[in-house]
C-alpha atoms as a PDB file:
ATOM      1  CA  MET A   1      94.229 114.928  84.828  1.00  0.00           C
ATOM      2  CA  GLU A   2      96.291 111.757  84.461  1.00  0.00           C
ATOM      3  CA  GLY A   3      99.412 113.212  86.127  1.00  0.00           C
ATOM      4  CA  ILE A   4      97.420 114.489  89.085  1.00  0.00           C
ATOM      5  CA  ALA A   5      95.730 111.152  89.743  1.00  0.00           C
ATOM      6  CA  ALA A   6      99.096 109.401  89.569  1.00  0.00           C
ATOM      7  CA  LEU A   7     100.435 111.432  92.506  1.00  0.00           C
ATOM      8  CA  LEU A   8      98.402 109.550  95.128  1.00  0.00           C
ATOM      9  CA  THR A   9      95.813 106.827  95.049  1.00  0.00           C
ATOM     10  CA  GLY A  10      92.802 106.681  97.329  1.00  0.00           C
ATOM     11  CA  ASP A  11      94.409 103.790  99.197  1.00  0.00           C
ATOM     12  CA  GLU A  12      97.501 105.901  99.829  1.00  0.00           C
ATOM     13  CA  VAL A  13      95.383 108.762 101.173  1.00  0.00           C
ATOM     14  CA  ARG A  14      93.650 106.323 103.517  1.00  0.00           C
ATOM     15  CA  ARG A  15      96.995 104.859 104.659  1.00  0.00           C
ATOM     16  CA  ILE A  16      98.469 108.292 105.342  1.00  0.00           C
ATOM     17  CA  ARG A  17      95.353 109.342 107.237  1.00  0.00           C
ATOM     18  CA  LYS A  18      95.359 106.203 109.363  1.00  0.00           C
ATOM     19  CA  ARG A  19      99.088 106.481 110.121  1.00  0.00           C
ATOM     20  CA  LEU A  20      98.421 109.996 111.361  1.00  0.00           C
ATOM     21  CA  ARG A  21      95.566 108.584 113.454  1.00  0.00           C
ATOM     22  CA  LEU A  22      93.063 110.972 111.928  1.00  0.00           C
ATOM     23  CA  THR A  23      89.437 110.414 111.078  1.00  0.00           C
ATOM     24  CA  GLN A  24      88.172 111.472 107.679  1.00  0.00           C
ATOM     25  CA  ALA A  25      86.576 114.461 109.408  1.00  0.00           C
ATOM     26  CA  ASP A  26      89.875 115.426 111.091  1.00  0.00           C
ATOM     27  CA  LEU A  27      91.802 115.246 107.816  1.00  0.00           C
ATOM     28  CA  ALA A  28      89.058 117.161 106.018  1.00  0.00           C
ATOM     29  CA  ARG A  29      89.178 119.943 108.616  1.00  0.00           C
ATOM     30  CA  ALA A  30      92.967 120.156 108.336  1.00  0.00           C
ATOM     31  CA  LEU A  31      92.762 120.421 104.541  1.00  0.00           C
ATOM     32  CA  GLY A  32      89.751 122.717 104.376  1.00  0.00           C
ATOM     33  CA  VAL A  33      87.459 120.252 102.621  1.00  0.00           C
ATOM     34  CA  THR A  34      84.463 118.184 103.693  1.00  0.00           C
ATOM     35  CA  ARG A  35      84.550 114.685 105.143  1.00  0.00           C
ATOM     36  CA  VAL A  36      82.617 113.503 102.093  1.00  0.00           C
ATOM     37  CA  THR A  37      85.385 114.825  99.829  1.00  0.00           C
ATOM     38  CA  VAL A  38      88.017 112.837 101.752  1.00  0.00           C
ATOM     39  CA  ALA A  39      85.811 109.731 101.525  1.00  0.00           C
ATOM     40  CA  ARG A  40      85.450 110.250  97.769  1.00  0.00           C
ATOM     41  CA  TRP A  41      89.227 110.594  97.346  1.00  0.00           C
ATOM     42  CA  GLU A  42      89.747 107.389  99.283  1.00  0.00           C
ATOM     43  CA  THR A  43      87.223 105.472  97.166  1.00  0.00           C
ATOM     44  CA  GLY A  44      88.445 106.944  93.884  1.00  0.00           C
ATOM     45  CA  VAL A  45      85.228 108.828  93.095  1.00  0.00           C
ATOM     46  CA  TYR A  46      87.111 112.164  93.039  1.00  0.00           C
ATOM     47  CA  ALA A  47      90.626 112.767  91.816  1.00  0.00           C
ATOM     48  CA  ILE A  48      92.867 114.283  94.459  1.00  0.00           C
ATOM     49  CA  PRO A  49      93.890 117.838  93.482  1.00  0.00           C
ATOM     50  CA  GLU A  50      97.604 118.139  92.806  1.00  0.00           C
ATOM     51  CA  PRO A  51      98.339 120.646  95.615  1.00  0.00           C
ATOM     52  CA  THR A  52      96.569 118.412  98.143  1.00  0.00           C
ATOM     53  CA  ALA A  53      98.336 115.291  96.894  1.00  0.00           C
ATOM     54  CA  ARG A  54     101.707 117.036  97.166  1.00  0.00           C
ATOM     55  CA  LEU A  55     100.912 118.188 100.695  1.00  0.00           C
ATOM     56  CA  LEU A  56      99.957 114.664 101.777  1.00  0.00           C
ATOM     57  CA  GLN A  57     103.104 113.253 100.165  1.00  0.00           C
ATOM     58  CA  ARG A  58     105.152 115.811 102.086  1.00  0.00           C
ATOM     59  CA  VAL A  59     103.462 114.855 105.357  1.00  0.00           C
ATOM     60  CA  ARG A  60     104.166 111.166 104.640  1.00  0.00           C
ATOM     61  CA  LYS A  61     107.817 111.905 103.871  1.00  0.00           C
ATOM     62  CA  GLU A  62     108.298 114.030 107.014  1.00  0.00           C
ATOM     63  CA  ARG A  63     106.672 111.358 109.160  1.00  0.00           C
ATOM     64  CA  ARG A  64     109.068 108.732 107.788  1.00  0.00           C
ATOM     65  CA  ARG A  65     112.015 111.026 108.483  1.00  0.00           C
ATOM     66  CA  ALA A  66     110.852 111.632 112.038  1.00  0.00           C
ATOM     67  CA  LYS A  67     110.497 107.885 112.653  1.00  0.00           C
ATOM     68  CA  ARG A  68     114.049 107.213 111.443  1.00  0.00           C
ATOM     69  CA  SER A  69     115.557 109.864 113.666  1.00  0.00           C
ATOM     70  CA  ARG A  70     114.084 108.399 116.867  1.00  0.00           C
END
């Protein structure tokens, strides 16, 4: 479990979500989970599953790339 939790912290999930201008409910819908699950990731109650963490990292990286190319 330690490696999975190290991929993204709850604060990073919240930052990514806010940069995308999504509510917890919007992000939950996009990921196929509940709003409560997203809230629990953000507060550290639940560990973020590795596939989800990798997806969010990818989104963050692509967003940075898109900003640089403007």
